[in-house]
């Protein structure tokens, strides 16, 4: 194994994201989760694959793909708005 591969093997960005998501959950900050959901929606559109329980390919199951992708965006916006307008969403 090359010396530089050790850091990549530990997936530091994913570990940092998990820690931030845990901290935001404990702090009651939903907007961070909203950003993650929107990010998943963007990744789905770019890759043509969405994932919930199994991988959904846009070319094989277009309706299910778009429903799932719309759900990611919808949840993302909802969670972000929950932090921006807490009294209206409670």
N, C-alpha and C. Protein backbone atom coordinates (compact mmCIF):
# COMPACT_ATOMS: atom_id res chain seq x y z
N UNK A 1 0.84 -1.18 0.00
CA UNK A 1 0.00 0.00 0.00
C UNK A 1 0.89 1.24 0.00
N UNK A 2 0.51 2.21 -0.81
CA UNK A 2 1.27 3.46 -0.87
C UNK A 2 0.98 4.30 0.36
N UNK A 3 1.96 5.12 0.80
CA UNK A 3 1.77 5.91 2.02
C UNK A 3 0.57 6.87 1.93
N UNK A 4 0.30 7.46 0.80
CA UNK A 4 -0.79 8.42 0.66
C UNK A 4 -2.17 7.78 0.67
N UNK A 5 -2.25 6.48 0.44
CA UNK A 5 -3.54 5.81 0.38
C UNK A 5 -4.18 5.62 1.76
N UNK A 6 -3.41 5.72 2.81
CA UNK A 6 -3.95 5.50 4.15
C UNK A 6 -5.05 6.52 4.48
N UNK A 7 -4.82 7.78 4.16
CA UNK A 7 -5.84 8.81 4.43
C UNK A 7 -7.07 8.61 3.57
N UNK A 8 -6.89 8.23 2.34
CA UNK A 8 -8.04 8.00 1.46
C UNK A 8 -8.86 6.81 1.92
N UNK A 9 -8.21 5.81 2.46
CA UNK A 9 -8.90 4.60 2.90
C UNK A 9 -9.85 4.90 4.05
N UNK A 10 -9.54 5.87 4.87
CA UNK A 10 -10.38 6.18 6.02
C UNK A 10 -11.57 7.07 5.67
N UNK A 11 -11.63 7.59 4.47
CA UNK A 11 -12.78 8.39 4.03
C UNK A 11 -13.08 9.55 4.99
N UNK A 12 -12.11 10.45 5.15
CA UNK A 12 -12.23 11.54 6.12
C UNK A 12 -13.41 12.45 5.85
N UNK A 13 -13.73 12.69 4.59
CA UNK A 13 -14.88 13.57 4.30
C UNK A 13 -16.18 12.93 4.80
N UNK A 14 -16.31 11.63 4.61
CA UNK A 14 -17.51 10.95 5.08
C UNK A 14 -17.57 10.94 6.61
N UNK A 15 -16.45 10.69 7.24
CA UNK A 15 -16.40 10.71 8.70
C UNK A 15 -16.77 12.09 9.22
N UNK A 16 -16.22 13.14 8.61
CA UNK A 16 -16.55 14.51 9.01
C UNK A 16 -18.04 14.80 8.80
N UNK A 17 -18.60 14.35 7.67
CA UNK A 17 -20.02 14.57 7.40
C UNK A 17 -20.89 13.86 8.43
N UNK A 18 -20.52 12.64 8.80
CA UNK A 18 -21.28 11.91 9.82
C UNK A 18 -21.24 12.66 11.15
N UNK A 19 -20.08 13.16 11.52
CA UNK A 19 -19.96 13.90 12.79
C UNK A 19 -20.78 15.19 12.75
N UNK A 20 -20.76 15.90 11.63
CA UNK A 20 -21.55 17.13 11.50
C UNK A 20 -23.04 16.81 11.56
N UNK A 21 -23.47 15.74 10.89
CA UNK A 21 -24.88 15.36 10.92
C UNK A 21 -25.32 14.93 12.32
N UNK A 22 -24.48 14.20 13.01
CA UNK A 22 -24.81 13.82 14.39
C UNK A 22 -24.92 15.06 15.28
N UNK A 23 -23.96 15.97 15.16
CA UNK A 23 -23.99 17.19 15.98
C UNK A 23 -25.21 18.04 15.65
N UNK A 24 -25.54 18.16 14.36
CA UNK A 24 -26.71 18.97 13.99
C UNK A 24 -27.99 18.32 14.49
N UNK A 25 -28.05 17.01 14.47
CA UNK A 25 -29.24 16.32 14.98
C UNK A 25 -29.39 16.55 16.48
N UNK A 26 -28.30 16.42 17.20
CA UNK A 26 -28.35 16.66 18.65
C UNK A 26 -28.70 18.11 18.97
N UNK A 27 -28.26 19.03 18.12
CA UNK A 27 -28.54 20.45 18.33
C UNK A 27 -29.92 20.86 17.80
N UNK A 28 -30.58 19.96 17.11
CA UNK A 28 -31.90 20.28 16.57
C UNK A 28 -31.86 21.16 15.34
N UNK A 29 -30.77 21.11 14.60
CA UNK A 29 -30.63 21.92 13.38
C UNK A 29 -30.94 21.03 12.18
N UNK A 30 -32.09 21.27 11.56
CA UNK A 30 -32.54 20.43 10.44
C UNK A 30 -31.95 20.84 9.10
N UNK A 31 -31.52 22.08 8.98
CA UNK A 31 -31.06 22.59 7.68
C UNK A 31 -29.88 21.80 7.13
N UNK A 32 -29.02 21.29 7.99
CA UNK A 32 -27.88 20.50 7.52
C UNK A 32 -28.39 19.26 6.81
N UNK A 33 -29.40 18.59 7.38
CA UNK A 33 -29.99 17.44 6.71
C UNK A 33 -30.64 17.87 5.40
N UNK A 34 -31.24 19.04 5.38
CA UNK A 34 -31.82 19.55 4.14
C UNK A 34 -30.81 19.70 3.04
N UNK A 35 -29.65 20.21 3.38
CA UNK A 35 -28.57 20.35 2.39
C UNK A 35 -28.14 18.98 1.88
N UNK A 36 -28.08 17.99 2.78
CA UNK A 36 -27.70 16.63 2.37
C UNK A 36 -28.74 16.06 1.39
N UNK A 37 -30.02 16.24 1.69
CA UNK A 37 -31.06 15.74 0.80
C UNK A 37 -30.98 16.40 -0.58
N UNK A 38 -30.78 17.71 -0.61
CA UNK A 38 -30.66 18.41 -1.90
C UNK A 38 -29.42 17.90 -2.64
N UNK A 39 -28.34 17.69 -1.93
CA UNK A 39 -27.12 17.15 -2.52
C UNK A 39 -27.39 15.78 -3.14
N UNK A 40 -28.12 14.92 -2.42
CA UNK A 40 -28.47 13.60 -2.97
C UNK A 40 -29.31 13.74 -4.23
N UNK A 41 -30.20 14.72 -4.26
CA UNK A 41 -31.00 14.95 -5.47
C UNK A 41 -30.14 15.37 -6.65
N UNK A 42 -29.20 16.26 -6.39
CA UNK A 42 -28.28 16.70 -7.45
C UNK A 42 -27.44 15.53 -7.95
N UNK A 43 -26.91 14.74 -7.03
CA UNK A 43 -26.12 13.57 -7.42
C UNK A 43 -26.95 12.60 -8.25
N UNK A 44 -28.19 12.40 -7.88
CA UNK A 44 -29.06 11.49 -8.63
C UNK A 44 -29.25 11.97 -10.06
N UNK A 45 -29.51 13.24 -10.23
CA UNK A 45 -29.72 13.78 -11.58
C UNK A 45 -28.43 13.66 -12.39
N UNK A 46 -27.30 13.99 -11.78
CA UNK A 46 -26.03 13.92 -12.51
C UNK A 46 -25.64 12.50 -12.89
N UNK A 47 -25.91 11.53 -12.01
CA UNK A 47 -25.47 10.16 -12.27
C UNK A 47 -26.51 9.30 -12.97
N UNK A 48 -27.77 9.71 -12.89
CA UNK A 48 -28.83 8.88 -13.45
C UNK A 48 -29.21 7.72 -12.55
N UNK A 49 -28.74 7.77 -11.30
CA UNK A 49 -29.06 6.73 -10.32
C UNK A 49 -29.52 7.37 -9.02
N UNK A 50 -30.57 6.83 -8.45
CA UNK A 50 -31.02 7.25 -7.13
C UNK A 50 -31.01 6.01 -6.24
N UNK A 51 -30.93 6.22 -4.95
CA UNK A 51 -30.86 5.07 -4.05
C UNK A 51 -31.73 5.34 -2.84
N UNK A 52 -32.59 4.38 -2.52
CA UNK A 52 -33.32 4.41 -1.26
C UNK A 52 -33.06 3.09 -0.55
N UNK A 53 -33.66 2.04 -0.99
CA UNK A 53 -33.38 0.71 -0.46
C UNK A 53 -32.54 -0.07 -1.47
N UNK A 54 -32.69 0.30 -2.71
CA UNK A 54 -31.91 -0.30 -3.79
C UNK A 54 -31.64 0.78 -4.83
N UNK A 55 -30.72 0.53 -5.72
CA UNK A 55 -30.39 1.49 -6.76
C UNK A 55 -31.49 1.54 -7.81
N UNK A 56 -31.90 2.75 -8.15
CA UNK A 56 -32.92 2.97 -9.17
C UNK A 56 -32.25 3.70 -10.33
N UNK A 57 -32.24 3.09 -11.49
CA UNK A 57 -31.65 3.67 -12.69
C UNK A 57 -32.70 4.50 -13.43
N UNK A 58 -32.32 5.71 -13.82
CA UNK A 58 -33.24 6.58 -14.54
C UNK A 58 -33.71 5.95 -15.85
N UNK A 59 -32.82 5.28 -16.57
CA UNK A 59 -33.19 4.72 -17.87
C UNK A 59 -34.07 3.48 -17.75
N UNK A 60 -33.97 2.76 -16.62
CA UNK A 60 -34.77 1.55 -16.44
C UNK A 60 -36.12 1.81 -15.76
N UNK A 61 -36.14 2.72 -14.81
CA UNK A 61 -37.36 3.05 -14.05
C UNK A 61 -37.50 4.56 -13.94
N UNK A 62 -37.81 5.24 -15.05
CA UNK A 62 -37.80 6.71 -15.02
C UNK A 62 -38.81 7.32 -14.05
N UNK A 63 -40.01 6.76 -13.95
CA UNK A 63 -41.01 7.34 -13.05
C UNK A 63 -40.54 7.23 -11.60
N UNK A 64 -40.13 6.04 -11.20
CA UNK A 64 -39.66 5.85 -9.83
C UNK A 64 -38.42 6.69 -9.55
N UNK A 65 -37.53 6.79 -10.52
CA UNK A 65 -36.33 7.62 -10.36
C UNK A 65 -36.72 9.07 -10.06
N UNK A 66 -37.63 9.64 -10.86
CA UNK A 66 -38.00 11.04 -10.68
C UNK A 66 -38.82 11.26 -9.42
N UNK A 67 -39.64 10.29 -9.03
CA UNK A 67 -40.37 10.41 -7.76
C UNK A 67 -39.39 10.46 -6.60
N UNK A 68 -38.43 9.57 -6.60
CA UNK A 68 -37.43 9.52 -5.54
C UNK A 68 -36.57 10.78 -5.52
N UNK A 69 -36.15 11.23 -6.69
CA UNK A 69 -35.33 12.44 -6.77
C UNK A 69 -36.12 13.66 -6.31
N UNK A 70 -37.37 13.75 -6.71
CA UNK A 70 -38.23 14.86 -6.25
C UNK A 70 -38.41 14.80 -4.73
N UNK A 71 -38.50 13.58 -4.20
CA UNK A 71 -38.61 13.42 -2.75
C UNK A 71 -37.37 13.95 -2.05
N UNK A 72 -36.17 13.66 -2.60
CA UNK A 72 -34.95 14.19 -1.98
C UNK A 72 -34.99 15.71 -1.96
N UNK A 73 -35.35 16.33 -3.09
CA UNK A 73 -35.42 17.79 -3.13
C UNK A 73 -36.51 18.32 -2.20
N UNK A 74 -37.65 17.67 -2.19
CA UNK A 74 -38.75 18.12 -1.33
C UNK A 74 -38.39 18.07 0.15
N UNK A 75 -37.82 16.94 0.58
CA UNK A 75 -37.38 16.85 1.98
C UNK A 75 -36.30 17.89 2.27
N UNK A 76 -35.40 18.08 1.33
CA UNK A 76 -34.33 19.06 1.54
C UNK A 76 -34.87 20.45 1.77
N UNK A 77 -35.76 20.87 0.90
CA UNK A 77 -36.36 22.21 1.03
C UNK A 77 -37.17 22.30 2.33
N UNK A 78 -37.92 21.26 2.64
CA UNK A 78 -38.72 21.26 3.87
C UNK A 78 -37.84 21.41 5.11
N UNK A 79 -36.75 20.66 5.17
CA UNK A 79 -35.87 20.75 6.33
C UNK A 79 -35.17 22.10 6.43
N UNK A 80 -34.79 22.65 5.31
CA UNK A 80 -34.16 23.98 5.33
C UNK A 80 -35.17 25.03 5.79
N UNK A 81 -36.39 24.98 5.24
CA UNK A 81 -37.42 25.94 5.64
C UNK A 81 -37.83 25.78 7.11
N UNK A 82 -37.73 24.57 7.62
CA UNK A 82 -38.06 24.33 9.03
C UNK A 82 -37.16 25.16 9.94
N UNK A 83 -35.90 25.30 9.58
CA UNK A 83 -35.00 26.13 10.39
C UNK A 83 -35.16 27.61 10.12
N UNK A 84 -35.54 27.98 8.90
CA UNK A 84 -35.69 29.39 8.57
C UNK A 84 -36.99 29.96 9.16
N UNK A 85 -38.06 29.17 9.08
CA UNK A 85 -39.38 29.60 9.57
C UNK A 85 -39.91 28.60 10.60
N UNK A 86 -39.33 28.55 11.79
CA UNK A 86 -39.70 27.51 12.76
C UNK A 86 -41.14 27.59 13.24
N UNK A 87 -41.71 28.78 13.36
CA UNK A 87 -43.08 28.88 13.90
C UNK A 87 -44.13 28.47 12.85
N UNK A 88 -43.84 28.65 11.57
CA UNK A 88 -44.80 28.29 10.53
C UNK A 88 -44.81 26.79 10.26
N UNK A 89 -43.72 26.08 10.54
CA UNK A 89 -43.64 24.66 10.23
C UNK A 89 -43.88 23.78 11.45
N UNK A 90 -44.03 24.37 12.60
CA UNK A 90 -44.22 23.57 13.83
C UNK A 90 -45.62 23.03 13.95
